[in-house]
PDB file of N, CA and C in Angstrom:
ATOM      1  N   MET A   1       0.820  -1.198   0.000  1.00  0.00           N
ATOM      2  CA  MET A   1       0.000   0.000   0.000  1.00  0.00           C
ATOM      3  C   MET A   1       0.860   1.256   0.000  1.00  0.00           C
ATOM      4  N   SER A   2       1.895   1.241   0.813  1.00  0.00           N
ATOM      5  CA  SER A   2       2.747   2.426   0.872  1.00  0.00           C
ATOM      6  C   SER A   2       3.520   2.611  -0.427  1.00  0.00           C
ATOM      7  N   GLN A   3       3.802   1.509  -1.113  1.00  0.00           N
ATOM      8  CA  GLN A   3       4.506   1.633  -2.386  1.00  0.00           C
ATOM      9  C   GLN A   3       3.629   2.286  -3.440  1.00  0.00           C
ATOM     10  N   GLU A   4       2.347   2.000  -3.433  1.00  0.00           N
ATOM     11  CA  GLU A   4       1.437   2.614  -4.399  1.00  0.00           C
ATOM     12  C   GLU A   4       1.343   4.119  -4.175  1.00  0.00           C
ATOM     13  N   ILE A   5       1.323   4.549  -2.951  1.00  0.00           N
ATOM     14  CA  ILE A   5       1.257   5.976  -2.652  1.00  0.00           C
ATOM     15  C   ILE A   5       2.536   6.663  -3.118  1.00  0.00           C
ATOM     16  N   GLN A   6       3.660   6.016  -2.923  1.00  0.00           N
ATOM     17  CA  GLN A   6       4.921   6.599  -3.355  1.00  0.00           C
ATOM     18  C   GLN A   6       4.992   6.677  -4.876  1.00  0.00           C
ATOM     19  N   GLU A   7       4.474   5.689  -5.565  1.00  0.00           N
ATOM     20  CA  GLU A   7       4.501   5.711  -7.023  1.00  0.00           C
ATOM     21  C   GLU A   7       3.648   6.831  -7.583  1.00  0.00           C
ATOM     22  N   THR A   8       2.498   7.091  -6.994  1.00  0.00           N
ATOM     23  CA  THR A   8       1.669   8.173  -7.495  1.00  0.00           C
ATOM     24  C   THR A   8       2.312   9.525  -7.229  1.00  0.00           C
ATOM     25  N   SER A   9       3.028   9.664  -6.125  1.00  0.00           N
ATOM     26  CA  SER A   9       3.703  10.929  -5.882  1.00  0.00           C
ATOM     27  C   SER A   9       4.891  11.095  -6.812  1.00  0.00           C
ATOM     28  N   ILE A  10       5.525   9.976  -7.204  1.00  0.00           N
ATOM     29  CA  ILE A  10       6.632  10.052  -8.156  1.00  0.00           C
ATOM     30  C   ILE A  10       6.106  10.446  -9.536  1.00  0.00           C
ATOM     31  N   ASN A  11       4.928   9.948  -9.909  1.00  0.00           N
ATOM     32  CA  ASN A  11       4.369  10.286 -11.214  1.00  0.00           C
ATOM     33  C   ASN A  11       4.032  11.757 -11.328  1.00  0.00           C
ATOM     34  N   LYS A  12       3.786  12.417 -10.230  1.00  0.00           N
ATOM     35  CA  LYS A  12       3.445  13.825 -10.276  1.00  0.00           C
ATOM     36  C   LYS A  12       4.682  14.724 -10.277  1.00  0.00           C
ATOM     37  N   ASP A  13       5.865  14.149 -10.074  1.00  0.00           N
ATOM     38  CA  ASP A  13       7.087  14.919 -10.047  1.00  0.00           C
ATOM     39  C   ASP A  13       7.483  15.299 -11.470  1.00  0.00           C
ATOM     40  N   ILE A  14       7.842  16.550 -11.700  1.00  0.00           N
ATOM     41  CA  ILE A  14       8.166  17.006 -13.053  1.00  0.00           C
ATOM     42  C   ILE A  14       9.507  16.454 -13.519  1.00  0.00           C
ATOM     43  N   ALA A  15      10.408  16.139 -12.588  1.00  0.00           N
ATOM     44  CA  ALA A  15      11.704  15.592 -12.986  1.00  0.00           C
ATOM     45  C   ALA A  15      11.600  14.135 -13.395  1.00  0.00           C
ATOM     46  N   LYS A  16      10.610  13.419 -12.940  1.00  0.00           N
ATOM     47  CA  LYS A  16      10.492  11.999 -13.239  1.00  0.00           C
ATOM     48  C   LYS A  16       9.560  11.710 -14.406  1.00  0.00           C
ATOM     49  N   ASN A  17       8.536  12.519 -14.608  1.00  0.00           N
ATOM     50  CA  ASN A  17       7.552  12.264 -15.650  1.00  0.00           C
ATOM     51  C   ASN A  17       7.842  13.183 -16.834  1.00  0.00           C
ATOM     52  N   TRP A  18       8.463  12.648 -17.877  1.00  0.00           N
ATOM     53  CA  TRP A  18       8.877  13.459 -19.011  1.00  0.00           C
ATOM     54  C   TRP A  18       7.709  13.924 -19.863  1.00  0.00           C
ATOM     55  N   VAL A  19       6.625  13.190 -19.867  1.00  0.00           N
ATOM     56  CA  VAL A  19       5.477  13.582 -20.682  1.00  0.00           C
ATOM     57  C   VAL A  19       4.864  14.868 -20.144  1.00  0.00           C
ATOM     58  N   SER A  20       4.592  14.920 -18.851  1.00  0.00           N
ATOM     59  CA  SER A  20       3.987  16.129 -18.295  1.00  0.00           C
ATOM     60  C   SER A  20       4.973  17.281 -18.297  1.00  0.00           C
ATOM     61  N   SER A  21       6.264  17.008 -18.112  1.00  0.00           N
ATOM     62  CA  SER A  21       7.235  18.101 -18.114  1.00  0.00           C
ATOM     63  C   SER A  21       7.409  18.665 -19.512  1.00  0.00           C
ATOM     64  N   SER A  22       7.358  17.824 -20.542  1.00  0.00           N
ATOM     65  CA  SER A  22       7.495  18.342 -21.901  1.00  0.00           C
ATOM     66  C   SER A  22       6.273  19.162 -22.292  1.00  0.00           C
ATOM     67  N   LYS A  23       5.084  18.758 -21.854  1.00  0.00           N
ATOM     68  CA  LYS A  23       3.889  19.570 -22.105  1.00  0.00           C
ATOM     69  C   LYS A  23       4.011  20.920 -21.425  1.00  0.00           C
ATOM     70  N   PHE A  24       4.463  20.908 -20.182  1.00  0.00           N
ATOM     71  CA  PHE A  24       4.611  22.148 -19.419  1.00  0.00           C
ATOM     72  C   PHE A  24       5.628  23.073 -20.081  1.00  0.00           C
ATOM     73  N   ILE A  25       6.764  22.528 -20.474  1.00  0.00           N
ATOM     74  CA  ILE A  25       7.799  23.342 -21.126  1.00  0.00           C
ATOM     75  C   ILE A  25       7.298  23.865 -22.463  1.00  0.00           C
ATOM     76  N   PHE A  26       6.546  23.068 -23.201  1.00  0.00           N
ATOM     77  CA  PHE A  26       5.990  23.516 -24.479  1.00  0.00           C
ATOM     78  C   PHE A  26       5.035  24.687 -24.278  1.00  0.00           C
ATOM     79  N   TYR A  27       4.115  24.556 -23.326  1.00  0.00           N
ATOM     80  CA  TYR A  27       3.156  25.637 -23.105  1.00  0.00           C
ATOM     81  C   TYR A  27       3.827  26.892 -22.562  1.00  0.00           C
ATOM     82  N   VAL A  28       4.819  26.763 -21.733  1.00  0.00           N
ATOM     83  CA  VAL A  28       5.543  27.933 -21.229  1.00  0.00           C
ATOM     84  C   VAL A  28       6.298  28.610 -22.364  1.00  0.00           C
ATOM     85  N   SER A  29       6.921  27.842 -23.247  1.00  0.00           N
ATOM     86  CA  SER A  29       7.655  28.438 -24.360  1.00  0.00           C
ATOM     87  C   SER A  29       6.707  29.112 -25.357  1.00  0.00           C
ATOM     88  N   VAL A  30       5.546  28.522 -25.601  1.00  0.00           N
ATOM     89  CA  VAL A  30       4.567  29.156 -26.497  1.00  0.00           C
ATOM     90  C   VAL A  30       4.053  30.452 -25.880  1.00  0.00           C
ATOM     91  N   PHE A  31       3.769  30.433 -24.585  1.00  0.00           N
ATOM     92  CA  PHE A  31       3.311  31.648 -23.914  1.00  0.00           C
ATOM     93  C   PHE A  31       4.388  32.730 -23.944  1.00  0.00           C
ATOM     94  N   ALA A  32       5.644  32.361 -23.722  1.00  0.00           N
ATOM     95  CA  ALA A  32       6.734  33.339 -23.742  1.00  0.00           C
ATOM     96  C   ALA A  32       6.913  33.923 -25.138  1.00  0.00           C
ATOM     97  N   LEU A  33       6.841  33.090 -26.164  1.00  0.00           N
ATOM     98  CA  LEU A  33       6.992  33.571 -27.532  1.00  0.00           C
ATOM     99  C   LEU A  33       5.852  34.514 -27.908  1.00  0.00           C
ATOM    100  N   LEU A  34       4.625  34.146 -27.577  1.00  0.00           N
ATOM    101  CA  LEU A  34       3.485  35.009 -27.894  1.00  0.00           C
ATOM    102  C   LEU A  34       3.536  36.324 -27.140  1.00  0.00           C
ATOM    103  N   SER A  35       3.971  36.288 -25.885  1.00  0.00           N
ATOM    104  CA  SER A  35       4.059  37.537 -25.125  1.00  0.00           C
ATOM    105  C   SER A  35       5.150  38.446 -25.679  1.00  0.00           C
ATOM    106  N   LEU A  36       6.270  37.875 -26.129  1.00  0.00           N
ATOM    107  CA  LEU A  36       7.314  38.697 -26.735  1.00  0.00           C
ATOM    108  C   LEU A  36       6.842  39.323 -28.047  1.00  0.00           C
ATOM    109  N   VAL A  37       6.162  38.554 -28.878  1.00  0.00           N
ATOM    110  CA  VAL A  37       5.659  39.079 -30.147  1.00  0.00           C
ATOM    111  C   VAL A  37       4.620  40.162 -29.902  1.00  0.00           C
ATOM    112  N   LEU A  38       3.707  39.930 -28.978  1.00  0.00           N
ATOM    113  CA  LEU A  38       2.683  40.923 -28.672  1.00  0.00           C
ATOM    114  C   LEU A  38       3.305  42.189 -28.090  1.00  0.00           C
ATOM    115  N   GLY A  39       4.285  42.044 -27.222  1.00  0.00           N
ATOM    116  CA  GLY A  39       4.954  43.213 -26.649  1.00  0.00           C
ATOM    117  C   GLY A  39       5.702  44.019 -27.690  1.00  0.00           C
ATOM    118  N   ASN A  40       6.375  43.330 -28.614  1.00  0.00           N
ATOM    119  CA  ASN A  40       7.096  44.049 -29.663  1.00  0.00           C
ATOM    120  C   ASN A  40       6.139  44.739 -30.622  1.00  0.00           C
ATOM    121  N   CYS A  41       5.031  44.092 -30.952  1.00  0.00           N
ATOM    122  CA  CYS A  41       4.045  44.729 -31.836  1.00  0.00           C
ATOM    123  C   CYS A  41       3.414  45.949 -31.172  1.00  0.00           C
ATOM    124  N   THR A  42       3.152  45.859 -29.874  1.00  0.00           N
ATOM    125  CA  THR A  42       2.585  46.989 -29.148  1.00  0.00           C
ATOM    126  C   THR A  42       3.566  48.151 -29.107  1.00  0.00           C
ATOM    127  N   LYS A  43       4.839  47.868 -28.846  1.00  0.00           N
ATOM    128  CA  LYS A  43       5.861  48.916 -28.812  1.00  0.00           C
ATOM    129  C   LYS A  43       6.019  49.553 -30.177  1.00  0.00           C
ATOM    130  N   LEU A  44       6.029  48.745 -31.237  1.00  0.00           N
ATOM    131  CA  LEU A  44       6.159  49.275 -32.588  1.00  0.00           C
ATOM    132  C   LEU A  44       4.939  50.104 -32.965  1.00  0.00           C
ATOM    133  N   PHE A  45       3.748  49.671 -32.571  1.00  0.00           N
ATOM    134  CA  PHE A  45       2.538  50.424 -32.891  1.00  0.00           C
ATOM    135  C   PHE A  45       2.503  51.752 -32.145  1.00  0.00           C
ATOM    136  N   SER A  46       2.953  51.757 -30.892  1.00  0.00           N
ATOM    137  CA  SER A  46       2.905  53.006 -30.123  1.00  0.00           C
ATOM    138  C   SER A  46       3.960  54.006 -30.573  1.00  0.00           C
ATOM    139  N   SER A  47       5.144  53.514 -30.948  1.00  0.00           N
ATOM    140  CA  SER A  47       6.183  54.448 -31.374  1.00  0.00           C
ATOM    141  C   SER A  47       6.081  54.754 -32.865  1.00  0.00           C
ATOM    142  N   GLY A  48       5.754  53.770 -33.649  1.00  0.00           N
ATOM    143  CA  GLY A  48       5.600  53.948 -35.078  1.00  0.00           C
ATOM    144  C   GLY A  48       6.937  54.118 -35.775  1.00  0.00           C
ATOM    145  N   PHE A  49       6.881  54.147 -37.107  1.00  0.00           N
ATOM    146  CA  PHE A  49       8.080  54.400 -37.890  1.00  0.00           C
ATOM    147  C   PHE A  49       8.205  55.900 -38.082  1.00  0.00           C
ATOM    148  N   LYS A  50       9.298  56.441 -37.631  1.00  0.00           N
ATOM    149  CA  LYS A  50       9.543  57.863 -37.800  1.00  0.00           C
ATOM    150  C   LYS A  50      10.490  58.051 -38.980  1.00  0.00           C
ATOM    151  N   LYS A  51      10.084  58.862 -39.939  1.00  0.00           N
ATOM    152  CA  LYS A  51      10.893  59.073 -41.120  1.00  0.00           C
ATOM    153  C   LYS A  51      12.005  60.050 -40.778  1.00  0.00           C
ATOM    154  N   ALA A  52      13.207  59.637 -41.031  1.00  0.00           N
ATOM    155  CA  ALA A  52      14.362  60.472 -40.717  1.00  0.00           C
ATOM    156  C   ALA A  52      14.595  61.479 -41.832  1.00  0.00           C
ATOM    157  N   THR A  53      14.996  62.672 -41.457  1.00  0.00           N
ATOM    158  CA  THR A  53      15.347  63.689 -42.444  1.00  0.00           C
ATOM    159  C   THR A  53      16.864  63.655 -42.607  1.00  0.00           C
ATOM    160  N   VAL A  54      17.287  63.170 -43.744  1.00  0.00           N
ATOM    161  CA  VAL A  54      18.710  63.037 -44.040  1.00  0.00           C
ATOM    162  C   VAL A  54      19.091  64.117 -45.022  1.00  0.00           C
ATOM    163  N   GLU A  55      20.180  64.796 -44.723  1.00  0.00           N
ATOM    164  CA  GLU A  55      20.643  65.852 -45.614  1.00  0.00           C
ATOM    165  C   GLU A  55      21.540  65.223 -46.679  1.00  0.00           C
ATOM    166  N   VAL A  56      21.234  65.488 -47.946  1.00  0.00           N
ATOM    167  CA  VAL A  56      21.958  64.907 -49.069  1.00  0.00           C
ATOM    168  C   VAL A  56      22.672  66.027 -49.812  1.00  0.00           C
ATOM    169  N   ASN A  57      23.873  65.732 -50.282  1.00  0.00           N
ATOM    170  CA  ASN A  57      24.597  66.722 -51.083  1.00  0.00           C
ATOM    171  C   ASN A  57      23.799  67.069 -52.330  1.00  0.00           C
ATOM    172  N   PRO A  58      23.760  68.317 -52.703  1.00  0.00           N
ATOM    173  CA  PRO A  58      22.990  68.691 -53.906  1.00  0.00           C
ATOM    174  C   PRO A  58      23.536  68.043 -55.174  1.00  0.00           C
ATOM    175  N   SER A  59      24.816  67.690 -55.215  1.00  0.00           N
ATOM    176  CA  SER A  59      25.373  67.088 -56.424  1.00  0.00           C
ATOM    177  C   SER A  59      25.021  65.606 -56.553  1.00  0.00           C
ATOM    178  N   SER A  60      24.529  64.974 -55.498  1.00  0.00           N
ATOM    179  CA  SER A  60      24.203  63.556 -55.573  1.00  0.00           C
ATOM    180  C   SER A  60      22.707  63.294 -55.550  1.00  0.00           C
ATOM    181  N   GLN A  61      21.890  64.324 -55.766  1.00  0.00           N
ATOM    182  CA  GLN A  61      20.450  64.142 -55.803  1.00  0.00           C
ATOM    183  C   GLN A  61      20.019  63.584 -57.158  1.00  0.00           C
ATOM    184  N   TYR A  62      18.707  63.279 -57.294  1.00  0.00           N
ATOM    185  CA  TYR A  62      18.190  62.735 -58.548  1.00  0.00           C
ATOM    186  C   TYR A  62      18.381  63.735 -59.679  1.00  0.00           C
ATOM    187  N   LYS A  63      18.069  64.998 -59.384  1.00  0.00           N
ATOM    188  CA  LYS A  63      18.356  66.083 -60.326  1.00  0.00           C
ATOM    189  C   LYS A  63      19.457  66.935 -59.685  1.00  0.00           C
ATOM    190  N   PRO A  64      20.695  66.642 -60.015  1.00  0.00           N
ATOM    191  CA  PRO A  64      21.794  67.309 -59.314  1.00  0.00           C
ATOM    192  C   PRO A  64      21.866  68.801 -59.638  1.00  0.00           C
ATOM    193  N   GLU A  65      22.312  69.537 -58.648  1.00  0.00           N
ATOM    194  CA  GLU A  65      22.531  70.983 -58.807  1.00  0.00           C
ATOM    195  C   GLU A  65      24.035  71.225 -58.695  1.00  0.00           C
ATOM    196  N   TYR A  66      24.620  71.648 -59.791  1.00  0.00           N
ATOM    197  CA  TYR A  66      26.053  71.903 -59.792  1.00  0.00           C
ATOM    198  C   TYR A  66      26.310  73.371 -59.578  1.00  0.00           C
ATOM    199  N   LYS A  67      27.486  73.643 -59.037  1.00  0.00           N
ATOM    200  CA  LYS A  67      27.870  75.051 -58.812  1.00  0.00           C
ATOM    201  C   LYS A  67      28.345  75.702 -60.057  1.00  0.00           C
TER     202      LYS A  67
END
């Protein structure tokens, strides 16, 4: 009787039961990946793409202006 109780407690241990531990690790990794993607999308949406104003030499423009 005592052996049966010990076996059921061993089955619930994450280090001994690879099936339940792999499910747990899979769900934690999926949750972490989704939270990172959602956080990055939220940050990108709030900040947006800001167009930089770059100064270009007049001689290297599409219609160059020479001196």
